[in-house]
Amino acid sequence: MALSMQDTLTLNNGVKMPCEGFGLFSMTDEDIFISSLEAAVDAGYRLFDTAAQYGNEHLLGDFLKDSGLERSEYFITSKVQNRDQGYEKTLKAFDTSLKALQLDYLDLYLVHWPLKDPFFETWKAMEHLYSEGFVRAIGVSNFESHHLDRLLSRANFVPAVEQLETHPHFSNHVMRDYLKSLGMVHQAWGPLGRGADLDDPVICDIAEKHGKSPAQIILRWHRQHGVAIIPKSQTLSRIRDNADIYDFMLTPVEMKKIDLQNKGERFGQAPDAVYVKD
């Protein structure tokens, strides 16, 4: 059973977001970008996750313009990068992203990292964009619970989505529970551990029993925990396989075995290090 637009999660403002999207991190080669996106669309992907920092918003805009897809058929996420945070700079950065994407609105706009000094001004700009209808939902990325606690002390809107590094070797289960308590959707970036988790013997054993790949087992684990996912691949067969995870279920015992592989090992930056840097 392949991915379809019917596989959605409802955000805290009623907007429906595909539970699985296609990540575009570090994809800047135009030929590879186009072939990967074509395979993703064929596999059923309609959520495309980009960011100003990735340097490929213009490529996505060109692709969508030529894709033949109606605007209502796809869900676009982008993010304000660190150097553009602050009230006026965030508004300007959003306008730049919107023009690069050749869109009239975004479906989801995220604060890419928490920064201490422009913290509230950035979120004030995000709320303005949401209130004025330029974006259907707003959220954050790479915020720890204390960053969210600080934000919520002055926010008018609870973020709809938190995008976090999450994979079996860094399960982020504490944040998963915290976000659930706030009614926020937990979306995993790097859901496969950038490949490092694929050789885990426990995961490989479960994959063999199901006749699935380790990647499919990991993505299924995320989904059964209620976590949204944005896997990324430039290999066409893997793009198809990553979307084909809806015809089996992991047992409670298998879920627990994967849970126990958590080592607290992140491969990305620690949010607090970024928070205090600026």
C-alpha atoms as a PDB file:
ATOM      1  CA  MET A   1       0.000   0.000   0.000  1.00  0.00           C
ATOM      2  CA  ALA A   2       1.599   3.259  -1.115  1.00  0.00           C
ATOM      3  CA  LEU A   3       1.467   6.708   0.401  1.00  0.00           C
ATOM      4  CA  SER A   4      -1.582   8.810  -0.444  1.00  0.00           C
ATOM      5  CA  MET A   5      -2.879  12.283   0.316  1.00  0.00           C
ATOM      6  CA  GLN A   6      -5.451  10.644   2.589  1.00  0.00           C
ATOM      7  CA  ASP A   7      -2.668   9.854   5.083  1.00  0.00           C
ATOM      8  CA  THR A   8      -2.876  13.090   7.060  1.00  0.00           C
ATOM      9  CA  LEU A   9      -2.582  14.535  10.534  1.00  0.00           C
ATOM     10  CA  THR A  10      -4.833  17.354  11.730  1.00  0.00           C
ATOM     11  CA  LEU A  11      -2.918  20.304  13.172  1.00  0.00           C
ATOM     12  CA  ASN A  12      -4.094  22.287  16.187  1.00  0.00           C
ATOM     13  CA  ASN A  13      -5.787  24.844  13.919  1.00  0.00           C
ATOM     14  CA  GLY A  14      -7.661  22.250  11.859  1.00  0.00           C
ATOM     15  CA  VAL A  15      -5.290  22.238   8.883  1.00  0.00           C
ATOM     16  CA  LYS A  16      -4.595  18.763   7.510  1.00  0.00           C
ATOM     17  CA  MET A  17      -0.919  17.943   6.889  1.00  0.00           C
ATOM     18  CA  PRO A  18       0.375  14.826   5.109  1.00  0.00           C
ATOM     19  CA  CYS A  19       1.880  12.487   7.684  1.00  0.00           C
ATOM     20  CA  GLU A  20       4.829  11.759   5.420  1.00  0.00           C
ATOM     21  CA  GLY A  21       6.702  14.298   3.346  1.00  0.00           C
ATOM     22  CA  PHE A  22       9.788  14.511   1.172  1.00  0.00           C
ATOM     23  CA  GLY A  23      12.830  16.257   2.653  1.00  0.00           C
ATOM     24  CA  LEU A  24      14.965  18.473   0.423  1.00  0.00           C
ATOM     25  CA  PHE A  25      17.944  19.140   2.709  1.00  0.00           C
ATOM     26  CA  SER A  26      21.221  19.690   0.770  1.00  0.00           C
ATOM     27  CA  MET A  27      19.640  18.918  -2.617  1.00  0.00           C
ATOM     28  CA  THR A  28      21.000  21.614  -4.949  1.00  0.00           C
ATOM     29  CA  ASP A  29      22.007  19.739  -8.123  1.00  0.00           C
ATOM     30  CA  GLU A  30      19.203  20.618 -10.542  1.00  0.00           C
ATOM     31  CA  ASP A  31      19.152  17.345 -12.488  1.00  0.00           C
ATOM     32  CA  ILE A  32      19.164  15.190  -9.353  1.00  0.00           C
ATOM     33  CA  PHE A  33      16.589  17.498  -7.756  1.00  0.00           C
ATOM     34  CA  ILE A  34      14.164  17.119 -10.662  1.00  0.00           C
ATOM     35  CA  SER A  35      14.549  13.339 -10.997  1.00  0.00           C
ATOM     36  CA  SER A  36      14.115  12.902  -7.233  1.00  0.00           C
ATOM     37  CA  LEU A  37      11.007  15.100  -7.130  1.00  0.00           C
ATOM     38  CA  GLU A  38       9.483  13.292 -10.101  1.00  0.00           C
ATOM     39  CA  ALA A  39       9.990   9.972  -8.320  1.00  0.00           C
ATOM     40  CA  ALA A  40       8.564  11.433  -5.110  1.00  0.00           C
ATOM     41  CA  VAL A  41       5.412  12.669  -6.844  1.00  0.00           C
ATOM     42  CA  ASP A  42       4.974   9.283  -8.537  1.00  0.00           C
ATOM     43  CA  ALA A  43       5.326   7.599  -5.120  1.00  0.00           C
ATOM     44  CA  GLY A  44       2.519   9.743  -3.707  1.00  0.00           C
ATOM     45  CA  TYR A  45       4.443  12.473  -1.891  1.00  0.00           C
ATOM     46  CA  ARG A  46       2.692  15.815  -1.737  1.00  0.00           C
ATOM     47  CA  LEU A  47       4.440  17.452   1.244  1.00  0.00           C
ATOM     48  CA  PHE A  48       7.772  18.984   0.279  1.00  0.00           C
ATOM     49  CA  ASP A  49      10.017  20.308   3.033  1.00  0.00           C
ATOM     50  CA  THR A  50      12.523  23.009   2.141  1.00  0.00           C
ATOM     51  CA  ALA A  51      14.177  25.988   3.854  1.00  0.00           C
ATOM     52  CA  ALA A  52      15.884  29.212   2.906  1.00  0.00           C
ATOM     53  CA  GLN A  53      19.098  27.722   4.267  1.00  0.00           C
ATOM     54  CA  TYR A  54      18.903  24.790   1.823  1.00  0.00           C
ATOM     55  CA  GLY A  55      19.321  27.053  -1.212  1.00  0.00           C
ATOM     56  CA  ASN A  56      16.785  25.170  -3.320  1.00  0.00           C
ATOM     57  CA  GLU A  57      13.485  27.006  -2.886  1.00  0.00           C
ATOM     58  CA  HIS A  58      13.767  28.311  -6.442  1.00  0.00           C
ATOM     59  CA  LEU A  59      14.247  24.773  -7.776  1.00  0.00           C
ATOM     60  CA  LEU A  60      11.143  23.605  -5.956  1.00  0.00           C
ATOM     61  CA  GLY A  61       9.208  26.592  -7.273  1.00  0.00           C
ATOM     62  CA  ASP A  62      10.199  25.801 -10.856  1.00  0.00           C
ATOM     63  CA  PHE A  63       9.362  22.124 -10.398  1.00  0.00           C
ATOM     64  CA  LEU A  64       5.922  22.789  -8.946  1.00  0.00           C
ATOM     65  CA  LYS A  65       5.126  25.290 -11.704  1.00  0.00           C
ATOM     66  CA  ASP A  66       5.862  22.648 -14.346  1.00  0.00           C
ATOM     67  CA  SER A  67       4.452  19.651 -12.451  1.00  0.00           C
ATOM     68  CA  GLY A  68       0.835  19.959 -13.537  1.00  0.00           C
ATOM     69  CA  LEU A  69      -0.253  19.658  -9.890  1.00  0.00           C
ATOM     70  CA  GLU A  70      -2.940  21.980  -8.619  1.00  0.00           C
ATOM     71  CA  ARG A  71      -1.938  24.205  -5.687  1.00  0.00           C
ATOM     72  CA  SER A  72      -4.440  22.457  -3.434  1.00  0.00           C
ATOM     73  CA  GLU A  73      -2.743  19.113  -4.116  1.00  0.00           C
ATOM     74  CA  TYR A  74       0.563  19.862  -2.396  1.00  0.00           C
ATOM     75  CA  PHE A  75       1.760  21.072   1.001  1.00  0.00           C
ATOM     76  CA  ILE A  76       4.875  23.256   1.169  1.00  0.00           C
ATOM     77  CA  THR A  77       7.007  23.867   4.260  1.00  0.00           C
ATOM     78  CA  SER A  78       9.852  26.357   4.474  1.00  0.00           C
ATOM     79  CA  LYS A  79      11.826  27.934   7.316  1.00  0.00           C
ATOM     80  CA  VAL A  80      13.318  31.279   8.277  1.00  0.00           C
ATOM     81  CA  GLN A  81      17.086  30.932   8.658  1.00  0.00           C
ATOM     82  CA  ASN A  82      19.058  32.290  11.600  1.00  0.00           C
ATOM     83  CA  ARG A  83      20.518  35.343   9.897  1.00  0.00           C
ATOM     84  CA  ASP A  84      17.007  36.479   8.941  1.00  0.00           C
ATOM     85  CA  GLN A  85      15.407  36.291  12.378  1.00  0.00           C
ATOM     86  CA  GLY A  86      13.809  39.328  14.007  1.00  0.00           C
ATOM     87  CA  TYR A  87      10.473  40.954  13.169  1.00  0.00           C
ATOM     88  CA  GLU A  88      11.128  42.942   9.998  1.00  0.00           C
ATOM     89  CA  LYS A  89      13.827  40.563   8.750  1.00  0.00           C
ATOM     90  CA  THR A  90      11.531  37.548   9.139  1.00  0.00           C
ATOM     91  CA  LEU A  91       8.780  39.258   7.146  1.00  0.00           C
ATOM     92  CA  LYS A  92      11.263  40.133   4.405  1.00  0.00           C
ATOM     93  CA  ALA A  93      12.714  36.618   4.408  1.00  0.00           C
ATOM     94  CA  PHE A  94       9.239  35.135   4.076  1.00  0.00           C
ATOM     95  CA  ASP A  95       8.505  37.328   1.083  1.00  0.00           C
ATOM     96  CA  THR A  96      11.793  36.248  -0.518  1.00  0.00           C
ATOM     97  CA  SER A  97      10.958  32.569   0.038  1.00  0.00           C
ATOM     98  CA  LEU A  98       7.439  32.996  -1.322  1.00  0.00           C
ATOM     99  CA  LYS A  99       8.767  34.617  -4.502  1.00  0.00           C
ATOM    100  CA  ALA A 100      11.402  31.893  -4.959  1.00  0.00           C
ATOM    101  CA  LEU A 101       8.720  29.242  -4.555  1.00  0.00           C
ATOM    102  CA  GLN A 102       6.409  31.153  -6.929  1.00  0.00           C
ATOM    103  CA  LEU A 103       3.515  30.764  -4.510  1.00  0.00           C
ATOM    104  CA  ASP A 104       0.816  33.004  -3.058  1.00  0.00           C
ATOM    105  CA  TYR A 105       0.993  31.346   0.374  1.00  0.00           C
ATOM    106  CA  LEU A 106       2.861  28.661   2.308  1.00  0.00           C
ATOM    107  CA  ASP A 107       1.217  25.754   4.078  1.00  0.00           C
ATOM    108  CA  LEU A 108       3.713  25.731   6.966  1.00  0.00           C
ATOM    109  CA  TYR A 109       6.453  28.166   7.979  1.00  0.00           C
ATOM    110  CA  LEU A 110       8.914  27.293  10.733  1.00  0.00           C
ATOM    111  CA  VAL A 111      11.514  29.074  12.852  1.00  0.00           C
ATOM    112  CA  HIS A 112      14.527  27.001  11.849  1.00  0.00           C
ATOM    113  CA  TRP A 113      16.439  27.285  15.155  1.00  0.00           C
ATOM    114  CA  PRO A 114      15.838  29.003  18.482  1.00  0.00           C
ATOM    115  CA  LEU A 115      17.922  32.186  18.859  1.00  0.00           C
ATOM    116  CA  LYS A 116      18.029  33.988  22.186  1.00  0.00           C
ATOM    117  CA  ASP A 117      18.058  37.667  21.200  1.00  0.00           C
ATOM    118  CA  PRO A 118      15.426  37.904  18.410  1.00  0.00           C
ATOM    119  CA  PHE A 119      13.388  35.109  20.027  1.00  0.00           C
ATOM    120  CA  PHE A 120      10.043  36.850  20.609  1.00  0.00           C
ATOM    121  CA  GLU A 121      10.305  39.267  17.694  1.00  0.00           C
ATOM    122  CA  THR A 122      10.704  36.378  15.268  1.00  0.00           C
ATOM    123  CA  TRP A 123       7.609  34.654  16.629  1.00  0.00           C
ATOM    124  CA  LYS A 124       5.655  37.916  16.531  1.00  0.00           C
ATOM    125  CA  ALA A 125       6.399  38.073  12.795  1.00  0.00           C
ATOM    126  CA  MET A 126       5.341  34.436  12.373  1.00  0.00           C
ATOM    127  CA  GLU A 127       2.031  35.190  14.082  1.00  0.00           C
ATOM    128  CA  HIS A 128       1.526  38.203  11.830  1.00  0.00           C
ATOM    129  CA  LEU A 129       2.036  36.071   8.713  1.00  0.00           C
ATOM    130  CA  TYR A 130      -0.442  33.520  10.040  1.00  0.00           C
ATOM    131  CA  SER A 131      -3.055  36.093  11.071  1.00  0.00           C
ATOM    132  CA  GLU A 132      -2.864  37.779   7.666  1.00  0.00           C
ATOM    133  CA  GLY A 133      -3.334  34.465   5.823  1.00  0.00           C
ATOM    134  CA  PHE A 134       0.058  34.300   4.155  1.00  0.00           C
ATOM    135  CA  VAL A 135       0.692  30.908   5.769  1.00  0.00           C
ATOM    136  CA  ARG A 136      -1.796  28.239   6.816  1.00  0.00           C
ATOM    137  CA  ALA A 137       0.162  27.136   9.903  1.00  0.00           C
ATOM    138  CA  ILE A 138       3.278  28.180  11.816  1.00  0.00           C
ATOM    139  CA  GLY A 139       5.690  26.198  13.930  1.00  0.00           C
ATOM    140  CA  VAL A 140       9.227  25.752  15.153  1.00  0.00           C
ATOM    141  CA  SER A 141      12.191  23.501  14.541  1.00  0.00           C
ATOM    142  CA  ASN A 142      14.915  22.332  16.915  1.00  0.00           C
ATOM    143  CA  PHE A 143      13.341  23.868  20.038  1.00  0.00           C
ATOM    144  CA  GLU A 144      13.838  22.075  23.346  1.00  0.00           C
ATOM    145  CA  SER A 145      11.077  22.102  25.961  1.00  0.00           C
ATOM    146  CA  HIS A 146      12.520  25.120  27.810  1.00  0.00           C
ATOM    147  CA  HIS A 147      12.621  27.081  24.539  1.00  0.00           C
ATOM    148  CA  LEU A 148       8.963  26.238  23.972  1.00  0.00           C
ATOM    149  CA  ASP A 149       8.101  27.132  27.572  1.00  0.00           C
ATOM    150  CA  ARG A 150       9.693  30.545  27.036  1.00  0.00           C
ATOM    151  CA  LEU A 151       7.888  31.018  23.725  1.00  0.00           C
ATOM    152  CA  LEU A 152       4.501  30.047  25.120  1.00  0.00           C
ATOM    153  CA  SER A 153       4.854  32.576  27.940  1.00  0.00           C
ATOM    154  CA  ARG A 154       4.190  35.334  25.393  1.00  0.00           C
ATOM    155  CA  ALA A 155       2.777  33.604  22.312  1.00  0.00           C
ATOM    156  CA  ASN A 156      -0.725  34.246  21.032  1.00  0.00           C
ATOM    157  CA  PHE A 157      -0.695  31.003  19.038  1.00  0.00           C
ATOM    158  CA  VAL A 158       0.718  27.635  20.072  1.00  0.00           C
ATOM    159  CA  PRO A 159       3.018  26.358  17.301  1.00  0.00           C
ATOM    160  CA  ALA A 160       1.261  23.739  15.183  1.00  0.00           C
ATOM    161  CA  VAL A 161       4.367  21.669  14.419  1.00  0.00           C
ATOM    162  CA  GLU A 162       7.783  21.035  15.967  1.00  0.00           C
ATOM    163  CA  GLN A 163      10.368  19.601  13.602  1.00  0.00           C
ATOM    164  CA  LEU A 164      13.077  17.717  15.495  1.00  0.00           C
ATOM    165  CA  GLU A 165      15.943  15.337  14.868  1.00  0.00           C
ATOM    166  CA  THR A 166      14.384  11.981  15.695  1.00  0.00           C
ATOM    167  CA  HIS A 167      15.453   8.423  14.851  1.00  0.00           C
ATOM    168  CA  PRO A 168      15.897   5.137  16.767  1.00  0.00           C
ATOM    169  CA  HIS A 169      19.346   6.060  18.107  1.00  0.00           C
ATOM    170  CA  PHE A 170      18.004   9.485  19.148  1.00  0.00           C
ATOM    171  CA  SER A 171      14.346   8.845  19.840  1.00  0.00           C
ATOM    172  CA  ASN A 172      13.551  12.226  21.425  1.00  0.00           C
ATOM    173  CA  HIS A 173      10.768  10.415  23.281  1.00  0.00           C
ATOM    174  CA  VAL A 174      10.631  12.995  26.082  1.00  0.00           C
ATOM    175  CA  MET A 175       9.964  15.759  23.565  1.00  0.00           C
ATOM    176  CA  ARG A 176       7.497  13.511  21.747  1.00  0.00           C
ATOM    177  CA  ASP A 177       5.426  13.216  24.913  1.00  0.00           C
ATOM    178  CA  TYR A 178       5.804  16.926  25.700  1.00  0.00           C
ATOM    179  CA  LEU A 179       4.625  17.989  22.244  1.00  0.00           C
ATOM    180  CA  LYS A 180       1.661  15.638  22.468  1.00  0.00           C
ATOM    181  CA  SER A 181       0.658  17.291  25.757  1.00  0.00           C
ATOM    182  CA  LEU A 182       0.622  20.656  23.966  1.00  0.00           C
ATOM    183  CA  GLY A 183      -1.391  19.378  21.020  1.00  0.00           C
ATOM    184  CA  MET A 184       1.538  19.913  18.652  1.00  0.00           C
ATOM    185  CA  VAL A 185       2.571  17.576  15.860  1.00  0.00           C
ATOM    186  CA  HIS A 186       6.049  16.080  16.215  1.00  0.00           C
ATOM    187  CA  GLN A 187       7.702  15.888  12.795  1.00  0.00           C
ATOM    188  CA  ALA A 188      10.987  13.985  12.531  1.00  0.00           C
ATOM    189  CA  TRP A 189      13.854  15.288  10.444  1.00  0.00           C
ATOM    190  CA  GLY A 190      16.659  12.827   9.782  1.00  0.00           C
ATOM    191  CA  PRO A 191      14.158  10.021  10.549  1.00  0.00           C
ATOM    192  CA  LEU A 192      16.607   7.361   9.368  1.00  0.00           C
ATOM    193  CA  GLY A 193      19.543   8.758  11.336  1.00  0.00           C
ATOM    194  CA  ARG A 194      21.132   9.811   8.040  1.00  0.00           C
ATOM    195  CA  GLY A 195      21.704   6.117   7.437  1.00  0.00           C
ATOM    196  CA  ALA A 196      23.499   5.291  10.671  1.00  0.00           C
ATOM    197  CA  ASP A 197      20.515   3.479  12.183  1.00  0.00           C
ATOM    198  CA  LEU A 198      19.995   1.241   9.155  1.00  0.00           C
ATOM    199  CA  ASP A 199      22.698  -1.206  10.243  1.00  0.00           C
ATOM    200  CA  ASP A 200      21.283  -1.672  13.735  1.00  0.00           C
ATOM    201  CA  PRO A 201      21.087  -5.479  14.199  1.00  0.00           C
ATOM    202  CA  VAL A 202      17.779  -5.340  16.086  1.00  0.00           C
ATOM    203  CA  ILE A 203      16.177  -3.301  13.319  1.00  0.00           C
ATOM    204  CA  CYS A 204      17.692  -5.534  10.629  1.00  0.00           C
ATOM    205  CA  ASP A 205      16.288  -8.625  12.356  1.00  0.00           C
ATOM    206  CA  ILE A 206      12.789  -7.119  12.499  1.00  0.00           C
ATOM    207  CA  ALA A 207      13.094  -6.101   8.845  1.00  0.00           C
ATOM    208  CA  GLU A 208      13.967  -9.646   7.810  1.00  0.00           C
ATOM    209  CA  LYS A 209      10.938 -11.043   9.649  1.00  0.00           C
ATOM    210  CA  HIS A 210       8.594  -8.628   7.851  1.00  0.00           C
ATOM    211  CA  GLY A 211      10.259  -8.888   4.459  1.00  0.00           C
ATOM    212  CA  LYS A 212      10.902  -5.153   4.560  1.00  0.00           C
ATOM    213  CA  SER A 213      13.986  -2.939   4.467  1.00  0.00           C
ATOM    214  CA  PRO A 214      15.444  -1.480   7.685  1.00  0.00           C
ATOM    215  CA  ALA A 215      14.402   1.967   6.430  1.00  0.00           C
ATOM    216  CA  GLN A 216      10.788   0.847   6.061  1.00  0.00           C
ATOM    217  CA  ILE A 217      10.840  -0.603   9.584  1.00  0.00           C
ATOM    218  CA  ILE A 218      12.180   2.655  11.035  1.00  0.00           C
ATOM    219  CA  LEU A 219       9.669   4.816   9.198  1.00  0.00           C
ATOM    220  CA  ARG A 220       6.846   2.520  10.303  1.00  0.00           C
ATOM    221  CA  TRP A 221       8.119   2.826  13.908  1.00  0.00           C
ATOM    222  CA  HIS A 222       7.858   6.616  13.651  1.00  0.00           C
ATOM    223  CA  ARG A 223       4.360   6.497  12.274  1.00  0.00           C
ATOM    224  CA  GLN A 224       3.098   4.065  14.929  1.00  0.00           C
ATOM    225  CA  HIS A 225       4.366   6.535  17.528  1.00  0.00           C
ATOM    226  CA  GLY A 226       2.252   9.220  15.828  1.00  0.00           C
ATOM    227  CA  VAL A 227       5.314  11.068  14.535  1.00  0.00           C
ATOM    228  CA  ALA A 228       5.221  12.722  11.103  1.00  0.00           C
ATOM    229  CA  ILE A 229       8.229  12.051   8.895  1.00  0.00           C
ATOM    230  CA  ILE A 230      10.185  13.741   6.092  1.00  0.00           C
ATOM    231  CA  PRO A 231      12.652  11.139   4.781  1.00  0.00           C
ATOM    232  CA  LYS A 232      15.095  12.268   2.123  1.00  0.00           C
ATOM    233  CA  SER A 233      16.702  10.214  -0.621  1.00  0.00           C
ATOM    234  CA  GLN A 234      18.148  10.742  -4.072  1.00  0.00           C
ATOM    235  CA  THR A 235      17.900   7.034  -4.931  1.00  0.00           C
ATOM    236  CA  LEU A 236      14.734   6.432  -6.908  1.00  0.00           C
ATOM    237  CA  SER A 237      14.069   2.928  -5.577  1.00  0.00           C
ATOM    238  CA  ARG A 238      14.464   4.126  -1.984  1.00  0.00           C
ATOM    239  CA  ILE A 239      12.116   7.044  -2.589  1.00  0.00           C
ATOM    240  CA  ARG A 240       9.451   4.536  -3.616  1.00  0.00           C
ATOM    241  CA  ASP A 241      10.241   2.166  -0.733  1.00  0.00           C
ATOM    242  CA  ASN A 242      10.109   4.949   1.864  1.00  0.00           C
ATOM    243  CA  ALA A 243       6.534   5.711   0.817  1.00  0.00           C
ATOM    244  CA  ASP A 244       5.511   2.044   0.905  1.00  0.00           C
ATOM    245  CA  ILE A 245       5.144   1.461   4.645  1.00  0.00           C
ATOM    246  CA  TYR A 246       1.396   1.266   5.101  1.00  0.00           C
ATOM    247  CA  ASP A 247       0.703  -2.422   4.443  1.00  0.00           C
ATOM    248  CA  PHE A 248       2.098  -3.841   7.708  1.00  0.00           C
ATOM    249  CA  MET A 249       2.198  -3.194  11.452  1.00  0.00           C
ATOM    250  CA  LEU A 250       4.961  -3.610  13.994  1.00  0.00           C
ATOM    251  CA  THR A 251       3.943  -5.540  17.088  1.00  0.00           C
ATOM    252  CA  PRO A 252       4.118  -3.919  20.551  1.00  0.00           C
ATOM    253  CA  VAL A 253       7.150  -6.118  21.295  1.00  0.00           C
ATOM    254  CA  GLU A 254       8.900  -4.962  18.113  1.00  0.00           C
ATOM    255  CA  MET A 255       8.098  -1.331  18.891  1.00  0.00           C
ATOM    256  CA  LYS A 256       9.625  -1.735  22.348  1.00  0.00           C
ATOM    257  CA  LYS A 257      12.745  -3.380  20.937  1.00  0.00           C
ATOM    258  CA  ILE A 258      13.288  -0.410  18.635  1.00  0.00           C
ATOM    259  CA  ASP A 259      12.566   2.019  21.489  1.00  0.00           C
ATOM    260  CA  LEU A 260      15.367   0.366  23.457  1.00  0.00           C
ATOM    261  CA  GLN A 261      17.893   1.198  20.713  1.00  0.00           C
ATOM    262  CA  ASN A 262      17.849   4.831  21.832  1.00  0.00           C
ATOM    263  CA  LYS A 263      21.424   5.886  22.645  1.00  0.00           C
ATOM    264  CA  GLY A 264      20.813   9.615  22.950  1.00  0.00           C
ATOM    265  CA  GLU A 265      23.150  10.123  19.992  1.00  0.00           C
ATOM    266  CA  ARG A 266      22.258  13.099  17.810  1.00  0.00           C
ATOM    267  CA  PHE A 267      24.135  13.838  14.595  1.00  0.00           C
ATOM    268  CA  GLY A 268      22.868  17.399  14.289  1.00  0.00           C
ATOM    269  CA  GLN A 269      23.681  20.465  16.356  1.00  0.00           C
ATOM    270  CA  ALA A 270      22.470  20.766  19.928  1.00  0.00           C
ATOM    271  CA  PRO A 271      19.717  23.423  19.992  1.00  0.00           C
ATOM    272  CA  ASP A 272      21.068  25.113  23.111  1.00  0.00           C
ATOM    273  CA  ALA A 273      24.444  25.666  21.410  1.00  0.00           C
ATOM    274  CA  VAL A 274      22.684  27.496  18.576  1.00  0.00           C
ATOM    275  CA  TYR A 275      20.358  29.340  20.985  1.00  0.00           C
ATOM    276  CA  VAL A 276      23.149  31.095  22.861  1.00  0.00           C
ATOM    277  CA  LYS A 277      25.405  31.645  19.840  1.00  0.00           C
ATOM    278  CA  ASP A 278      23.525  34.684  18.636  1.00  0.00           C
END
